[in-house]
Amino acid sequence: MDGGVLPEFGERRVHHQKWLDVYQDVARRLKEAYEKSARHYNLRRREKTFHVGQLVYYANKTQSDKVKFYSRKLAPNYLGPCTVESRKGTSGYVLRDAKGHLVGPYHVQDLVSNEDFKALRRPAA
């Protein structure tokens, strides 16, 4: 509706122009709000990529199980190390564990490199 067709006469033209201005103002404000929120969201976002053969740890997503006496809260946050077998698409990786078994596809957000994992485990001073 970029400057759309306006009615020909009098009040209808003024009324239509008023709503057209409101529409354009709302569209502009929505665009500004989107850009502001995108800046805030992406402020500390870093792209992670892994190459084939690299050692990584994957996020432990298991749930607690009363029958098996397993508590998620006490379980490790990451499991591994595994080697990257191949890349699937833009953000998926197939992993292989130390025994040579395929662990499965994991999203890049669930993976941590070996160096970053060691930094996570370092005791607080």
Protein backbone atom coordinates (compact mmCIF):
# COMPACT_ATOMS: atom_id res chain seq x y z
CA MET A 1 0.00 0.00 0.00
CA ASP A 2 2.87 2.32 -0.81
CA GLY A 3 1.03 5.55 -1.57
CA GLY A 4 -1.95 3.53 -2.93
CA VAL A 5 -4.80 4.94 -4.99
CA LEU A 6 -6.67 7.69 -3.11
CA PRO A 7 -10.39 8.44 -3.54
CA GLU A 8 -11.05 11.51 -5.67
CA PHE A 9 -13.13 13.86 -3.51
CA GLY A 10 -13.12 15.74 -0.22
CA GLU A 11 -13.32 14.06 3.16
CA ARG A 12 -12.81 10.55 1.82
CA ARG A 13 -9.44 11.59 0.43
CA VAL A 14 -8.38 13.20 3.73
CA HIS A 15 -9.66 10.23 5.75
CA HIS A 16 -7.88 7.76 3.49
CA GLN A 17 -4.65 9.79 3.62
CA LYS A 18 -4.84 9.83 7.44
CA TRP A 19 -5.07 6.04 7.63
CA LEU A 20 -2.37 5.65 5.02
CA ASP A 21 -0.07 7.81 7.18
CA VAL A 22 -0.96 5.73 10.26
CA TYR A 23 -0.25 2.52 8.36
CA GLN A 24 3.13 3.78 7.17
CA ASP A 25 4.02 4.98 10.68
CA VAL A 26 3.14 1.61 12.20
CA ALA A 27 5.15 -0.21 9.52
CA ARG A 28 8.16 2.03 10.20
CA ARG A 29 7.92 1.50 13.97
CA LEU A 30 7.60 -2.27 13.57
CA LYS A 31 10.71 -2.31 11.40
CA GLU A 32 12.64 -0.25 13.99
CA ALA A 33 11.48 -2.52 16.84
CA TYR A 34 12.50 -5.61 14.86
CA GLU A 35 15.97 -4.20 14.17
CA LYS A 36 16.43 -3.18 17.81
CA SER A 37 15.40 -6.59 19.08
CA ALA A 38 17.61 -8.35 16.50
CA ARG A 39 20.62 -6.27 17.61
CA HIS A 40 19.96 -7.21 21.25
CA TYR A 41 19.40 -10.90 20.46
CA ASN A 42 22.49 -11.25 18.25
CA LEU A 43 24.77 -9.18 20.49
CA ARG A 44 26.86 -12.09 21.79
CA ARG A 45 25.97 -14.68 19.17
CA ARG A 46 28.98 -16.43 17.68
CA GLU A 47 29.00 -18.84 14.78
CA LYS A 48 30.33 -22.27 15.72
CA THR A 49 31.72 -24.65 13.14
CA PHE A 50 33.57 -27.92 13.57
CA HIS A 51 35.72 -29.78 11.08
CA VAL A 52 35.72 -33.53 10.45
CA GLY A 53 37.91 -35.34 12.98
CA GLN A 54 37.67 -32.64 15.66
CA LEU A 55 37.00 -33.73 19.26
CA VAL A 56 33.70 -32.42 20.64
CA TYR A 57 31.37 -33.02 23.58
CA TYR A 58 27.59 -33.17 23.16
CA ALA A 59 24.86 -31.99 25.53
CA ASN A 60 23.35 -34.62 27.81
CA LYS A 61 19.59 -34.42 27.18
CA THR A 62 18.45 -37.42 29.24
CA GLN A 63 15.63 -37.03 31.75
CA SER A 64 15.52 -38.18 35.34
CA ASP A 65 14.20 -41.71 35.86
CA LYS A 66 13.01 -42.80 39.29
CA VAL A 67 12.87 -46.49 38.37
CA LYS A 68 16.53 -46.49 37.29
CA PHE A 69 17.58 -44.23 40.21
CA TYR A 70 18.89 -41.69 37.71
CA SER A 71 18.87 -38.00 38.56
CA ARG A 72 19.40 -35.52 35.72
CA LYS A 73 20.50 -32.88 38.20
CA LEU A 74 23.49 -34.99 39.23
CA ALA A 75 24.40 -36.13 35.71
CA PRO A 76 27.13 -34.47 33.65
CA ASN A 77 26.00 -31.65 31.37
CA TYR A 78 28.08 -32.90 28.43
CA LEU A 79 29.04 -36.38 27.26
CA GLY A 80 32.00 -37.40 25.15
CA PRO A 81 34.54 -36.88 23.78
CA CYS A 82 33.41 -37.80 20.28
CA THR A 83 34.92 -37.11 16.90
CA VAL A 84 33.02 -35.32 14.18
CA GLU A 85 32.26 -37.90 11.50
CA SER A 86 30.50 -35.65 8.98
CA ARG A 87 28.46 -32.51 8.63
CA LYS A 88 24.74 -32.63 7.81
CA GLY A 89 23.39 -29.41 6.34
CA THR A 90 24.37 -26.08 7.83
CA SER A 91 24.04 -26.89 11.53
CA GLY A 92 24.03 -30.67 12.02
CA TYR A 93 26.94 -32.96 12.81
CA VAL A 94 27.18 -36.76 12.95
CA LEU A 95 29.44 -37.93 15.79
CA ARG A 96 31.41 -41.11 16.48
CA ASP A 97 32.35 -42.09 20.06
CA ALA A 98 35.73 -43.46 21.25
CA LYS A 99 34.59 -47.06 20.64
CA GLY A 100 33.80 -46.29 17.01
CA HIS A 101 30.00 -46.32 17.33
CA LEU A 102 27.93 -43.63 15.65
CA VAL A 103 26.39 -41.46 18.35
CA GLY A 104 23.95 -39.72 16.05
CA PRO A 105 23.24 -36.35 14.55
CA TYR A 106 23.47 -33.34 16.85
CA HIS A 107 22.70 -29.69 16.30
CA VAL A 108 25.65 -27.31 16.53
CA GLN A 109 24.13 -25.56 19.57
CA ASP A 110 24.38 -28.84 21.53
CA LEU A 111 28.10 -29.28 20.81
CA VAL A 112 31.15 -27.90 22.61
CA SER A 113 34.70 -28.16 21.32
CA ASN A 114 37.29 -30.00 23.39
CA GLU A 115 39.09 -26.73 24.23
CA ASP A 116 35.88 -25.00 25.35
CA PHE A 117 34.89 -28.06 27.39
CA LYS A 118 38.20 -27.96 29.27
CA ALA A 119 37.61 -24.26 29.99
CA LEU A 120 34.14 -25.10 31.36
CA ARG A 121 35.57 -27.74 33.71
CA ARG A 122 38.33 -25.50 35.07
CA PRO A 123 37.73 -24.89 38.79
CA ALA A 124 36.69 -21.39 39.79
CA ALA A 125 39.42 -19.41 41.51
